[in-house]
Amino acid sequence: MGLEQEFADFNAKFEAGASAGAAAFLNAKIDELTAVFPFDRVLKPGDLAPEFALPGATGETISLLETLAGGSVVLSFYCGAWCPYCNIQLAAYERALPAISEAGGYLIAISPQKPDGSLIMAQKNNLTFEVLSDAGNVVARKFGLVYKLSDDLVLDFPSFGVDLTAINGDNSWELPIAATFVIGRNGRVRLANPETDQRKRLSPEAIVDALVAAGV
């Protein structure tokens, strides 16, 4: 089953179980974000990716520059372990990891959650690639991905059973939009896929195709 179908199946179950008001509210929030998000700030193909070094799930520090020395890098920004779409996406990427590696890519996932949240994400989905913590969305901001949750969504978040301030370790109520980048060994972006609709993510097949086109 492809990633798109997995999302479609999850959406169908969510809409069947959620109230009409809840589904309509979330759809409206996605539309609002899409209408105002400054996509022109997002890094584009040809742009130089900013260097960073972030802590991994078990405390190690991972540097983009050092990773690029071994091949192209696939960077996937996600909200956190609490996000069902992020779990579906990263589990699919884990299944595709042999193909990604064979195409010369190193996969790294980044979220604003604290390292213990990254560890939960890695363990829950049996992830073997790096899952990094970007405190304060410092790196996500350099990629042009950060937005602030609307006031009504902030008020509704506790009803989802998610304490975002505790998970991220701050009260900014900021998140990155979902985005995946393929970065060539020269440090330049080869593919950029920013999505304000959390229900849409770059497929593993598209990642592999971009890696093959980039060449190791």
N, C-alpha and C. Protein backbone atom coordinates (compact mmCIF):
# COMPACT_ATOMS: atom_id res chain seq x y z
N MET A 1 0.84 -1.19 0.00
CA MET A 1 0.00 0.00 0.00
C MET A 1 0.88 1.25 0.00
N GLY A 2 0.58 2.20 -0.88
CA GLY A 2 1.35 3.42 -0.97
C GLY A 2 0.99 4.41 0.13
N LEU A 3 1.85 5.40 0.33
CA LEU A 3 1.63 6.40 1.38
C LEU A 3 0.34 7.16 1.16
N GLU A 4 0.05 7.52 -0.08
CA GLU A 4 -1.17 8.27 -0.38
C GLU A 4 -2.41 7.48 0.03
N GLN A 5 -2.41 6.18 -0.23
CA GLN A 5 -3.55 5.34 0.14
C GLN A 5 -3.65 5.19 1.66
N GLU A 6 -2.51 5.10 2.32
CA GLU A 6 -2.52 5.03 3.79
C GLU A 6 -3.17 6.27 4.39
N PHE A 7 -2.83 7.43 3.84
CA PHE A 7 -3.44 8.67 4.31
C PHE A 7 -4.94 8.69 4.02
N ALA A 8 -5.31 8.23 2.83
CA ALA A 8 -6.73 8.21 2.46
C ALA A 8 -7.52 7.32 3.41
N ASP A 9 -6.96 6.17 3.75
CA ASP A 9 -7.63 5.25 4.67
C ASP A 9 -7.77 5.87 6.06
N PHE A 10 -6.69 6.53 6.52
CA PHE A 10 -6.75 7.16 7.84
C PHE A 10 -7.78 8.29 7.85
N ASN A 11 -7.79 9.10 6.79
CA ASN A 11 -8.74 10.21 6.71
C ASN A 11 -10.18 9.70 6.75
N ALA A 12 -10.43 8.60 6.05
CA ALA A 12 -11.77 8.03 6.02
C ALA A 12 -12.20 7.59 7.42
N LYS A 13 -11.29 6.96 8.15
CA LYS A 13 -11.60 6.52 9.52
C LYS A 13 -11.81 7.72 10.44
N PHE A 14 -10.96 8.74 10.27
CA PHE A 14 -11.09 9.93 11.12
C PHE A 14 -12.43 10.62 10.89
N GLU A 15 -12.78 10.82 9.63
CA GLU A 15 -14.02 11.52 9.32
C GLU A 15 -15.24 10.71 9.73
N ALA A 16 -15.12 9.38 9.71
CA ALA A 16 -16.23 8.53 10.13
C ALA A 16 -16.42 8.59 11.65
N GLY A 17 -15.33 8.77 12.38
CA GLY A 17 -15.40 8.77 13.84
C GLY A 17 -15.55 10.14 14.46
N ALA A 18 -15.13 11.19 13.75
CA ALA A 18 -15.19 12.54 14.30
C ALA A 18 -16.55 13.17 14.03
N SER A 19 -16.88 14.15 14.84
CA SER A 19 -18.11 14.90 14.60
C SER A 19 -17.94 15.74 13.34
N ALA A 20 -19.07 16.06 12.71
CA ALA A 20 -19.01 16.89 11.50
C ALA A 20 -18.36 18.23 11.81
N GLY A 21 -18.62 18.76 13.01
CA GLY A 21 -18.04 20.04 13.38
C GLY A 21 -16.54 19.98 13.53
N ALA A 22 -16.02 18.89 14.12
CA ALA A 22 -14.58 18.75 14.31
C ALA A 22 -13.86 18.63 12.97
N ALA A 23 -14.40 17.81 12.08
CA ALA A 23 -13.79 17.63 10.76
C ALA A 23 -13.81 18.94 9.98
N ALA A 24 -14.92 19.65 10.04
CA ALA A 24 -15.03 20.92 9.32
C ALA A 24 -14.07 21.95 9.89
N PHE A 25 -13.91 21.96 11.22
CA PHE A 25 -13.00 22.90 11.87
C PHE A 25 -11.56 22.67 11.41
N LEU A 26 -11.12 21.42 11.41
CA LEU A 26 -9.75 21.12 11.00
C LEU A 26 -9.53 21.43 9.52
N ASN A 27 -10.52 21.13 8.69
CA ASN A 27 -10.41 21.47 7.27
C ASN A 27 -10.29 22.97 7.08
N ALA A 28 -11.06 23.73 7.85
CA ALA A 28 -11.01 25.19 7.75
C ALA A 28 -9.65 25.73 8.19
N LYS A 29 -9.06 25.13 9.24
CA LYS A 29 -7.75 25.57 9.72
C LYS A 29 -6.67 25.32 8.66
N ILE A 30 -6.77 24.19 7.97
CA ILE A 30 -5.81 23.89 6.91
C ILE A 30 -5.94 24.91 5.78
N ASP A 31 -7.17 25.20 5.40
CA ASP A 31 -7.40 26.18 4.32
C ASP A 31 -6.89 27.56 4.71
N GLU A 32 -7.11 27.95 5.96
CA GLU A 32 -6.64 29.26 6.42
C GLU A 32 -5.12 29.34 6.38
N LEU A 33 -4.45 28.31 6.85
CA LEU A 33 -2.99 28.31 6.85
C LEU A 33 -2.45 28.35 5.43
N THR A 34 -3.04 27.57 4.55
CA THR A 34 -2.59 27.53 3.16
C THR A 34 -2.72 28.90 2.51
N ALA A 35 -3.77 29.63 2.87
CA ALA A 35 -4.03 30.93 2.25
C ALA A 35 -3.03 32.00 2.68
N VAL A 36 -2.49 31.88 3.90
CA VAL A 36 -1.63 32.95 4.41
C VAL A 36 -0.16 32.56 4.54
N PHE A 37 0.16 31.28 4.41
CA PHE A 37 1.55 30.88 4.65
C PHE A 37 2.48 31.47 3.60
N PRO A 38 3.63 32.03 4.01
CA PRO A 38 4.58 32.66 3.07
C PRO A 38 5.48 31.63 2.39
N PHE A 39 4.96 30.96 1.38
CA PHE A 39 5.73 29.93 0.69
C PHE A 39 7.00 30.49 0.04
N ASP A 40 7.00 31.79 -0.24
CA ASP A 40 8.17 32.39 -0.88
C ASP A 40 9.40 32.36 0.03
N ARG A 41 9.20 32.13 1.32
CA ARG A 41 10.33 32.08 2.26
C ARG A 41 10.95 30.68 2.35
N VAL A 42 10.25 29.68 1.84
CA VAL A 42 10.74 28.31 1.93
C VAL A 42 11.91 28.11 0.97
N LEU A 43 12.96 27.41 1.43
CA LEU A 43 14.09 27.14 0.55
C LEU A 43 13.63 26.40 -0.69
N LYS A 44 14.23 26.76 -1.82
CA LYS A 44 13.84 26.20 -3.11
C LYS A 44 15.02 25.48 -3.75
N PRO A 45 14.76 24.66 -4.77
CA PRO A 45 15.86 24.00 -5.48
C PRO A 45 16.90 25.02 -5.94
N GLY A 46 18.14 24.72 -5.66
CA GLY A 46 19.24 25.62 -5.99
C GLY A 46 19.74 26.42 -4.80
N ASP A 47 18.89 26.58 -3.78
CA ASP A 47 19.30 27.31 -2.57
C ASP A 47 20.30 26.47 -1.76
N LEU A 48 21.18 27.16 -1.06
CA LEU A 48 22.14 26.48 -0.18
C LEU A 48 21.48 26.19 1.16
N ALA A 49 21.49 24.94 1.56
CA ALA A 49 20.88 24.56 2.84
C ALA A 49 21.76 25.05 3.99
N PRO A 50 21.16 25.59 5.04
CA PRO A 50 21.95 26.07 6.18
C PRO A 50 22.55 24.91 6.96
N GLU A 51 23.77 25.05 7.39
CA GLU A 51 24.41 24.03 8.22
C GLU A 51 23.73 24.00 9.59
N PHE A 52 23.63 22.83 10.17
CA PHE A 52 23.10 22.70 11.52
C PHE A 52 23.70 21.48 12.19
N ALA A 53 23.62 21.47 13.50
CA ALA A 53 24.00 20.30 14.31
C ALA A 53 22.96 20.20 15.41
N LEU A 54 22.21 19.09 15.42
CA LEU A 54 21.11 18.93 16.36
C LEU A 54 21.24 17.62 17.13
N PRO A 55 20.67 17.57 18.33
CA PRO A 55 20.72 16.33 19.12
C PRO A 55 19.76 15.27 18.59
N GLY A 56 20.23 14.04 18.59
CA GLY A 56 19.39 12.92 18.18
C GLY A 56 18.61 12.35 19.35
N ALA A 57 17.87 11.29 19.07
CA ALA A 57 16.98 10.71 20.07
C ALA A 57 17.73 10.14 21.27
N THR A 58 18.97 9.74 21.08
CA THR A 58 19.74 9.14 22.18
C THR A 58 20.89 10.03 22.64
N GLY A 59 20.85 11.32 22.25
CA GLY A 59 21.81 12.27 22.77
C GLY A 59 22.97 12.62 21.85
N GLU A 60 23.17 11.85 20.79
CA GLU A 60 24.27 12.15 19.87
C GLU A 60 23.93 13.40 19.06
N THR A 61 24.95 14.11 18.60
CA THR A 61 24.75 15.31 17.79
C THR A 61 25.02 14.98 16.33
N ILE A 62 24.08 15.35 15.47
CA ILE A 62 24.17 15.06 14.04
C ILE A 62 24.35 16.37 13.28
N SER A 63 25.37 16.44 12.46
CA SER A 63 25.67 17.62 11.66
C SER A 63 25.30 17.39 10.20
N LEU A 64 24.66 18.36 9.60
CA LEU A 64 24.32 18.24 8.18
C LEU A 64 25.58 18.15 7.34
N LEU A 65 26.55 19.01 7.62
CA LEU A 65 27.78 19.04 6.83
C LEU A 65 28.50 17.70 6.88
N GLU A 66 28.60 17.12 8.05
CA GLU A 66 29.28 15.83 8.18
C GLU A 66 28.51 14.72 7.48
N THR A 67 27.19 14.78 7.53
CA THR A 67 26.38 13.75 6.87
C THR A 67 26.50 13.87 5.36
N LEU A 68 26.55 15.10 4.85
CA LEU A 68 26.68 15.31 3.41
C LEU A 68 27.99 14.76 2.86
N ALA A 69 28.98 14.61 3.71
CA ALA A 69 30.26 14.06 3.26
C ALA A 69 30.09 12.63 2.77
N GLY A 70 29.03 11.96 3.22
CA GLY A 70 28.80 10.58 2.82
C GLY A 70 27.81 10.40 1.70
N GLY A 71 27.08 11.46 1.34
CA GLY A 71 26.09 11.33 0.27
C GLY A 71 25.01 12.39 0.41
N SER A 72 24.01 12.31 -0.46
CA SER A 72 22.89 13.24 -0.40
C SER A 72 22.09 13.01 0.88
N VAL A 73 21.40 14.06 1.33
CA VAL A 73 20.63 13.97 2.57
C VAL A 73 19.16 14.27 2.28
N VAL A 74 18.30 13.45 2.85
CA VAL A 74 16.85 13.68 2.80
C VAL A 74 16.44 14.21 4.17
N LEU A 75 15.96 15.45 4.22
CA LEU A 75 15.51 16.07 5.47
C LEU A 75 13.99 16.11 5.47
N SER A 76 13.39 15.55 6.50
CA SER A 76 11.94 15.57 6.60
C SER A 76 11.54 16.24 7.91
N PHE A 77 10.87 17.39 7.81
CA PHE A 77 10.40 18.12 8.98
C PHE A 77 8.98 17.67 9.31
N TYR A 78 8.73 17.37 10.59
CA TYR A 78 7.41 16.92 11.01
C TYR A 78 7.04 17.55 12.34
N CYS A 79 5.78 17.44 12.75
CA CYS A 79 5.29 18.12 13.95
C CYS A 79 5.75 17.46 15.24
N GLY A 80 5.60 16.14 15.31
CA GLY A 80 5.96 15.43 16.53
C GLY A 80 5.33 14.06 16.59
N ALA A 81 5.67 13.33 17.65
CA ALA A 81 5.17 11.96 17.80
C ALA A 81 3.66 11.92 18.02
N TRP A 82 3.06 13.05 18.42
CA TRP A 82 1.62 13.12 18.66
C TRP A 82 0.81 13.20 17.37
N CYS A 83 1.45 13.47 16.26
CA CYS A 83 0.76 13.69 14.97
C CYS A 83 0.59 12.36 14.24
N PRO A 84 -0.65 11.90 14.01
CA PRO A 84 -0.84 10.61 13.34
C PRO A 84 -0.30 10.57 11.92
N TYR A 85 -0.41 11.69 11.21
CA TYR A 85 0.10 11.72 9.83
C TYR A 85 1.62 11.59 9.81
N CYS A 86 2.27 12.20 10.80
CA CYS A 86 3.73 12.09 10.89
C CYS A 86 4.15 10.65 11.14
N ASN A 87 3.41 9.95 11.99
CA ASN A 87 3.71 8.55 12.27
C ASN A 87 3.57 7.70 11.02
N ILE A 88 2.49 7.92 10.28
CA ILE A 88 2.27 7.16 9.05
C ILE A 88 3.40 7.44 8.06
N GLN A 89 3.75 8.72 7.92
CA GLN A 89 4.80 9.11 6.98
C GLN A 89 6.15 8.49 7.32
N LEU A 90 6.58 8.64 8.57
CA LEU A 90 7.92 8.16 8.92
C LEU A 90 8.00 6.64 8.94
N ALA A 91 6.90 5.98 9.25
CA ALA A 91 6.88 4.52 9.16
C ALA A 91 7.04 4.08 7.71
N ALA A 92 6.40 4.81 6.79
CA ALA A 92 6.54 4.50 5.36
C ALA A 92 7.96 4.76 4.89
N TYR A 93 8.58 5.84 5.39
CA TYR A 93 9.96 6.13 5.02
C TYR A 93 10.91 5.06 5.55
N GLU A 94 10.61 4.54 6.74
CA GLU A 94 11.44 3.45 7.28
C GLU A 94 11.37 2.23 6.38
N ARG A 95 10.19 1.90 5.89
CA ARG A 95 10.05 0.75 5.00
C ARG A 95 10.81 0.97 3.69
N ALA A 96 10.90 2.24 3.28
CA ALA A 96 11.59 2.57 2.03
C ALA A 96 13.07 2.85 2.23
N LEU A 97 13.55 2.74 3.48
CA LEU A 97 14.94 3.12 3.77
C LEU A 97 15.97 2.34 2.95
N PRO A 98 15.79 1.03 2.71
CA PRO A 98 16.76 0.32 1.86
C PRO A 98 16.88 0.94 0.47
N ALA A 99 15.75 1.32 -0.12
CA ALA A 99 15.79 1.94 -1.46
C ALA A 99 16.41 3.33 -1.40
N ILE A 100 16.11 4.08 -0.34
CA ILE A 100 16.70 5.41 -0.17
C ILE A 100 18.21 5.30 -0.01
N SER A 101 18.65 4.36 0.79
CA SER A 101 20.09 4.16 1.01
C SER A 101 20.78 3.70 -0.26
N GLU A 102 20.13 2.81 -0.99
CA GLU A 102 20.72 2.30 -2.23
C GLU A 102 20.88 3.41 -3.26
N ALA A 103 19.98 4.40 -3.20
CA ALA A 103 20.06 5.54 -4.12
C ALA A 103 21.06 6.58 -3.63
N GLY A 104 21.73 6.31 -2.51
CA GLY A 104 22.77 7.21 -2.02
C GLY A 104 22.31 8.25 -1.03
N GLY A 105 21.13 8.05 -0.43
CA GLY A 105 20.60 9.04 0.48
C GLY A 105 20.70 8.67 1.94
N TYR A 106 20.85 9.70 2.78
CA TYR A 106 20.82 9.56 4.24
C TYR A 106 19.56 10.28 4.72
N LEU A 107 18.70 9.57 5.42
CA LEU A 107 17.43 10.12 5.86
C LEU A 107 17.53 10.68 7.28
N ILE A 108 17.04 11.91 7.45
CA ILE A 108 17.02 12.56 8.76
C ILE A 108 15.64 13.19 8.94
N ALA A 109 15.01 12.93 10.09
CA ALA A 109 13.73 13.56 10.42
C ALA A 109 13.94 14.56 11.55
N ILE A 110 13.25 15.70 11.47
CA ILE A 110 13.45 16.79 12.43
C ILE A 110 12.09 17.30 12.92
N SER A 111 11.98 17.47 14.24
CA SER A 111 10.77 18.06 14.82
C SER A 111 11.17 18.96 15.98
N PRO A 112 10.25 19.83 16.44
CA PRO A 112 10.58 20.71 17.57
C PRO A 112 10.44 20.04 18.93
N GLN A 113 10.02 18.79 18.98
CA GLN A 113 9.83 18.14 20.27
C GLN A 113 11.17 17.86 20.95
N LYS A 114 11.13 17.72 22.25
CA LYS A 114 12.34 17.44 23.02
C LYS A 114 12.88 16.05 22.68
N PRO A 115 14.16 15.79 22.99
CA PRO A 115 14.75 14.49 22.62
C PRO A 115 13.97 13.27 23.11
N ASP A 116 13.33 13.38 24.29
CA ASP A 116 12.57 12.21 24.74
C ASP A 116 11.39 11.93 23.83
N GLY A 117 10.81 12.98 23.24
CA GLY A 117 9.75 12.79 22.26
C GLY A 117 10.27 12.17 20.98
N SER A 118 11.47 12.56 20.58
CA SER A 118 12.09 11.96 19.40
C SER A 118 12.35 10.48 19.63
N LEU A 119 12.76 10.14 20.85
CA LEU A 119 13.01 8.74 21.18
C LEU A 119 11.72 7.94 21.14
N ILE A 120 10.64 8.52 21.64
CA ILE A 120 9.33 7.86 21.57
C ILE A 120 8.94 7.59 20.13
N MET A 121 9.14 8.60 19.28
CA MET A 121 8.81 8.46 17.86
C MET A 121 9.62 7.34 17.23
N ALA A 122 10.91 7.30 17.51
CA ALA A 122 11.79 6.29 16.92
C ALA A 122 11.41 4.89 17.39
N GLN A 123 11.14 4.76 18.68
CA GLN A 123 10.82 3.44 19.22
C GLN A 123 9.45 2.96 18.77
N LYS A 124 8.48 3.87 18.73
CA LYS A 124 7.11 3.49 18.36
C LYS A 124 7.03 2.95 16.94
N ASN A 125 7.84 3.52 16.05
CA ASN A 125 7.79 3.13 14.64
C ASN A 125 9.01 2.33 14.20
N ASN A 126 9.84 1.90 15.18
CA ASN A 126 11.04 1.12 14.87
C ASN A 126 11.91 1.81 13.82
N LEU A 127 12.12 3.10 14.01
CA LEU A 127 12.90 3.88 13.05
C LEU A 127 14.38 3.64 13.25
N THR A 128 15.09 3.44 12.16
CA THR A 128 16.53 3.23 12.22
C THR A 128 17.31 4.41 11.64
N PHE A 129 16.60 5.42 11.14
CA PHE A 129 17.28 6.63 10.68
C PHE A 129 17.27 7.66 11.81
N GLU A 130 18.02 8.74 11.61
CA GLU A 130 18.18 9.75 12.66
C GLU A 130 16.89 10.57 12.83
N VAL A 131 16.50 10.75 14.09
CA VAL A 131 15.34 11.57 14.45
C VAL A 131 15.84 12.65 15.40
N LEU A 132 15.86 13.90 14.93
CA LEU A 132 16.52 14.99 15.65
C LEU A 132 15.52 15.95 16.28
N SER A 133 15.99 16.64 17.32
CA SER A 133 15.17 17.62 18.03
C SER A 133 15.66 19.03 17.72
N ASP A 134 14.75 19.85 17.21
CA ASP A 134 15.05 21.22 16.82
C ASP A 134 14.35 22.17 17.79
N ALA A 135 14.96 22.35 18.97
CA ALA A 135 14.35 23.18 20.01
C ALA A 135 14.11 24.60 19.51
N GLY A 136 12.90 25.08 19.71
CA GLY A 136 12.58 26.43 19.27
C GLY A 136 12.44 26.58 17.77
N ASN A 137 12.44 25.48 17.04
CA ASN A 137 12.30 25.52 15.58
C ASN A 137 13.38 26.37 14.91
N VAL A 138 14.58 26.35 15.49
CA VAL A 138 15.66 27.19 14.96
C VAL A 138 16.01 26.81 13.53
N VAL A 139 16.19 25.52 13.28
CA VAL A 139 16.55 25.07 11.93
C VAL A 139 15.36 25.17 10.99
N ALA A 140 14.18 24.78 11.46
CA ALA A 140 12.98 24.88 10.62
C ALA A 140 12.75 26.31 10.16
N ARG A 141 13.06 27.27 11.02
CA ARG A 141 12.89 28.67 10.66
C ARG A 141 13.84 29.06 9.53
N LYS A 142 15.06 28.52 9.56
CA LYS A 142 16.03 28.83 8.50
C LYS A 142 15.59 28.26 7.16
N PHE A 143 14.79 27.18 7.20
CA PHE A 143 14.26 26.60 5.98
C PHE A 143 12.94 27.26 5.56
N GLY A 144 12.45 28.20 6.37
CA GLY A 144 11.24 28.94 6.03
C GLY A 144 9.95 28.20 6.30
N LEU A 145 9.93 27.36 7.34
CA LEU A 145 8.80 26.44 7.54
C LEU A 145 7.92 26.75 8.74
N VAL A 146 8.27 27.72 9.56
CA VAL A 146 7.61 27.88 10.86
C VAL A 146 6.36 28.76 10.76
N TYR A 147 5.33 28.34 11.49
CA TYR A 147 4.12 29.15 11.62
C TYR A 147 3.61 29.06 13.06
N LYS A 148 2.79 30.01 13.44
CA LYS A 148 2.20 30.04 14.78
C LYS A 148 0.76 29.56 14.71
N LEU A 149 0.38 28.68 15.61
CA LEU A 149 -0.99 28.19 15.64
C LEU A 149 -1.96 29.34 15.93
N SER A 150 -3.11 29.31 15.29
CA SER A 150 -4.13 30.33 15.52
C SER A 150 -4.66 30.21 16.95
N ASP A 151 -5.21 31.30 17.47
CA ASP A 151 -5.68 31.32 18.86
C ASP A 151 -6.75 30.27 19.12
N ASP A 152 -7.68 30.08 18.18
CA ASP A 152 -8.74 29.10 18.41
C ASP A 152 -8.19 27.68 18.39
N LEU A 153 -7.15 27.44 17.59
CA LEU A 153 -6.55 26.11 17.56
C LEU A 153 -5.77 25.85 18.85
N VAL A 154 -5.13 26.89 19.38
CA VAL A 154 -4.43 26.77 20.67
C VAL A 154 -5.42 26.36 21.76
N LEU A 155 -6.58 26.98 21.76
CA LEU A 155 -7.60 26.67 22.76
C LEU A 155 -8.13 25.25 22.61
N ASP A 156 -8.16 24.75 21.38
CA ASP A 156 -8.70 23.41 21.12
C ASP A 156 -7.68 22.29 21.33
N PHE A 157 -6.40 22.63 21.36
CA PHE A 157 -5.36 21.59 21.40
C PHE A 157 -5.50 20.63 22.59
N PRO A 158 -5.83 21.13 23.80
CA PRO A 158 -5.98 20.19 24.92
C PRO A 158 -7.03 19.11 24.66
N SER A 159 -8.04 19.42 23.84
CA SER A 159 -9.08 18.42 23.55
C SER A 159 -8.53 17.28 22.72
N PHE A 160 -7.38 17.49 22.08
CA PHE A 160 -6.74 16.42 21.31
C PHE A 160 -5.87 15.52 22.21
N GLY A 161 -5.76 15.90 23.49
CA GLY A 161 -4.91 15.14 24.40
C GLY A 161 -3.44 15.41 24.20
N VAL A 162 -3.11 16.59 23.67
CA VAL A 162 -1.72 16.94 23.36
C VAL A 162 -1.32 18.18 24.15
N ASP A 163 -0.31 18.05 25.02
CA ASP A 163 0.24 19.18 25.76
C ASP A 163 1.47 19.67 25.01
N LEU A 164 1.23 20.52 24.02
CA LEU A 164 2.31 20.92 23.11
C LEU A 164 3.42 21.68 23.83
N THR A 165 3.07 22.48 24.83
CA THR A 165 4.11 23.24 25.54
C THR A 165 5.05 22.31 26.30
N ALA A 166 4.53 21.23 26.84
CA ALA A 166 5.38 20.26 27.54
C ALA A 166 6.20 19.44 26.55
N ILE A 167 5.59 19.07 25.44
CA ILE A 167 6.27 18.24 24.44
C ILE A 167 7.44 18.98 23.81
N ASN A 168 7.22 20.27 23.50
CA ASN A 168 8.26 21.05 22.82
C ASN A 168 9.15 21.82 23.79
N GLY A 169 8.73 21.92 25.04
CA GLY A 169 9.55 22.62 26.03
C GLY A 169 9.53 24.12 25.90
N ASP A 170 8.49 24.68 25.27
CA ASP A 170 8.33 26.13 25.21
C ASP A 170 6.85 26.45 25.04
N ASN A 171 6.52 27.73 25.14
CA ASN A 171 5.12 28.14 24.99
C ASN A 171 4.91 29.01 23.77
N SER A 172 5.71 28.76 22.73
CA SER A 172 5.62 29.57 21.52
C SER A 172 4.41 29.22 20.67
N TRP A 173 3.92 27.97 20.80
CA TRP A 173 2.84 27.47 19.96
C TRP A 173 3.19 27.57 18.48
N GLU A 174 4.44 27.32 18.18
CA GLU A 174 4.91 27.31 16.80
C GLU A 174 5.23 25.88 16.36
N LEU A 175 4.98 25.62 15.10
CA LEU A 175 5.27 24.32 14.50
C LEU A 175 5.84 24.53 13.11
N PRO A 176 6.54 23.53 12.58
CA PRO A 176 6.92 23.59 11.17
C PRO A 176 5.80 22.98 10.32
N ILE A 177 5.60 23.51 9.14
CA ILE A 177 4.73 22.79 8.22
C ILE A 177 5.45 21.51 7.81
N ALA A 178 4.70 20.55 7.32
CA ALA A 178 5.33 19.32 6.84
C ALA A 178 6.15 19.64 5.60
N ALA A 179 7.39 19.19 5.57
CA ALA A 179 8.24 19.49 4.42
C ALA A 179 9.36 18.47 4.32
N THR A 180 9.67 18.08 3.10
CA THR A 180 10.79 17.18 2.86
C THR A 180 11.69 17.79 1.79
N PHE A 181 12.99 17.76 2.06
CA PHE A 181 13.99 18.30 1.14
C PHE A 181 15.00 17.21 0.79
N VAL A 182 15.43 17.21 -0.46
CA VAL A 182 16.57 16.39 -0.87
C VAL A 182 17.72 17.36 -1.11
N ILE A 183 18.82 17.15 -0.41
CA ILE A 183 19.97 18.05 -0.48
C ILE A 183 21.16 17.30 -1.07
N GLY A 184 21.73 17.85 -2.13
CA GLY A 184 22.87 17.22 -2.78
C GLY A 184 24.14 17.37 -1.96
N ARG A 185 25.17 16.64 -2.33
CA ARG A 185 26.42 16.67 -1.57
C ARG A 185 27.08 18.04 -1.58
N ASN A 186 26.71 18.88 -2.56
CA ASN A 186 27.25 20.24 -2.59
C ASN A 186 26.50 21.17 -1.64
N GLY A 187 25.53 20.62 -0.90
CA GLY A 187 24.80 21.41 0.08
C GLY A 187 23.61 22.17 -0.48
N ARG A 188 23.35 22.00 -1.77
CA ARG A 188 22.23 22.72 -2.37
C ARG A 188 20.98 21.85 -2.46
N VAL A 189 19.84 22.52 -2.29
CA VAL A 189 18.56 21.83 -2.34
C VAL A 189 18.30 21.34 -3.76
N ARG A 190 18.00 20.06 -3.89
CA ARG A 190 17.65 19.48 -5.18
C ARG A 190 16.14 19.33 -5.35
N LEU A 191 15.45 19.11 -4.25
CA LEU A 191 13.99 18.99 -4.27
C LEU A 191 13.44 19.56 -2.98
N ALA A 192 12.34 20.31 -3.09
CA ALA A 192 11.67 20.87 -1.92
C ALA A 192 10.18 20.58 -2.02
N ASN A 193 9.62 20.04 -0.94
CA ASN A 193 8.20 19.69 -0.94
C ASN A 193 7.54 20.18 0.35
N PRO A 194 7.23 21.49 0.43
CA PRO A 194 6.54 22.02 1.60
C PRO A 194 5.03 21.80 1.48
N GLU A 195 4.39 21.42 2.59
CA GLU A 195 2.95 21.16 2.58
C GLU A 195 2.29 21.78 3.81
N THR A 196 1.36 22.70 3.60
CA THR A 196 0.58 23.24 4.72
C THR A 196 -0.56 22.29 5.10
N ASP A 197 -0.90 21.38 4.21
CA ASP A 197 -1.91 20.37 4.50
C ASP A 197 -1.21 19.14 5.07
N GLN A 198 -1.36 18.93 6.37
CA GLN A 198 -0.65 17.82 7.03
C GLN A 198 -1.03 16.46 6.46
N ARG A 199 -2.11 16.40 5.70
CA ARG A 199 -2.57 15.13 5.14
C ARG A 199 -1.85 14.78 3.85
N LYS A 200 -0.89 15.62 3.45
CA LYS A 200 -0.14 15.38 2.22
C LYS A 200 1.35 15.36 2.54
N ARG A 201 2.06 14.35 2.05
CA ARG A 201 3.50 14.24 2.27
C ARG A 201 4.16 13.69 1.00
N LEU A 202 5.45 13.96 0.86
CA LEU A 202 6.20 13.46 -0.29
C LEU A 202 6.31 11.94 -0.21
N SER A 203 6.03 11.27 -1.31
CA SER A 203 6.07 9.81 -1.31
C SER A 203 7.50 9.30 -1.28
N PRO A 204 7.73 8.12 -0.73
CA PRO A 204 9.07 7.52 -0.76
C PRO A 204 9.59 7.36 -2.18
N GLU A 205 8.69 7.05 -3.11
CA GLU A 205 9.11 6.87 -4.50
C GLU A 205 9.66 8.16 -5.08
N ALA A 206 9.03 9.29 -4.75
CA ALA A 206 9.52 10.58 -5.24
C ALA A 206 10.88 10.92 -4.64
N ILE A 207 11.10 10.52 -3.40
CA ILE A 207 12.40 10.74 -2.77
C ILE A 207 13.49 9.97 -3.50
N VAL A 208 13.22 8.70 -3.76
CA VAL A 208 14.21 7.86 -4.46
C VAL A 208 14.49 8.42 -5.85
N ASP A 209 13.45 8.83 -6.56
CA ASP A 209 13.64 9.41 -7.89
C ASP A 209 14.52 10.65 -7.84
N ALA A 210 14.31 11.50 -6.83
CA ALA A 210 15.11 12.72 -6.69
C ALA A 210 16.56 12.39 -6.37
N LEU A 211 16.78 11.38 -5.55
CA LEU A 211 18.15 10.97 -5.22
C LEU A 211 18.87 10.43 -6.44
N VAL A 212 18.17 9.63 -7.23
CA VAL A 212 18.77 9.08 -8.44
C VAL A 212 19.12 10.21 -9.41
N ALA A 213 18.22 11.19 -9.52
CA ALA A 213 18.47 12.32 -10.42
C ALA A 213 19.64 13.17 -9.94
N ALA A 214 19.76 13.29 -8.60
CA ALA A 214 20.84 14.10 -8.04
C ALA A 214 22.19 13.43 -8.21
N GLY A 215 22.20 12.10 -8.17
CA GLY A 215 23.47 11.38 -8.19
C GLY A 215 24.15 11.53 -6.84
N VAL A 216 24.80 10.50 -6.39
CA VAL A 216 25.44 10.56 -5.07
C VAL A 216 26.57 11.56 -5.08
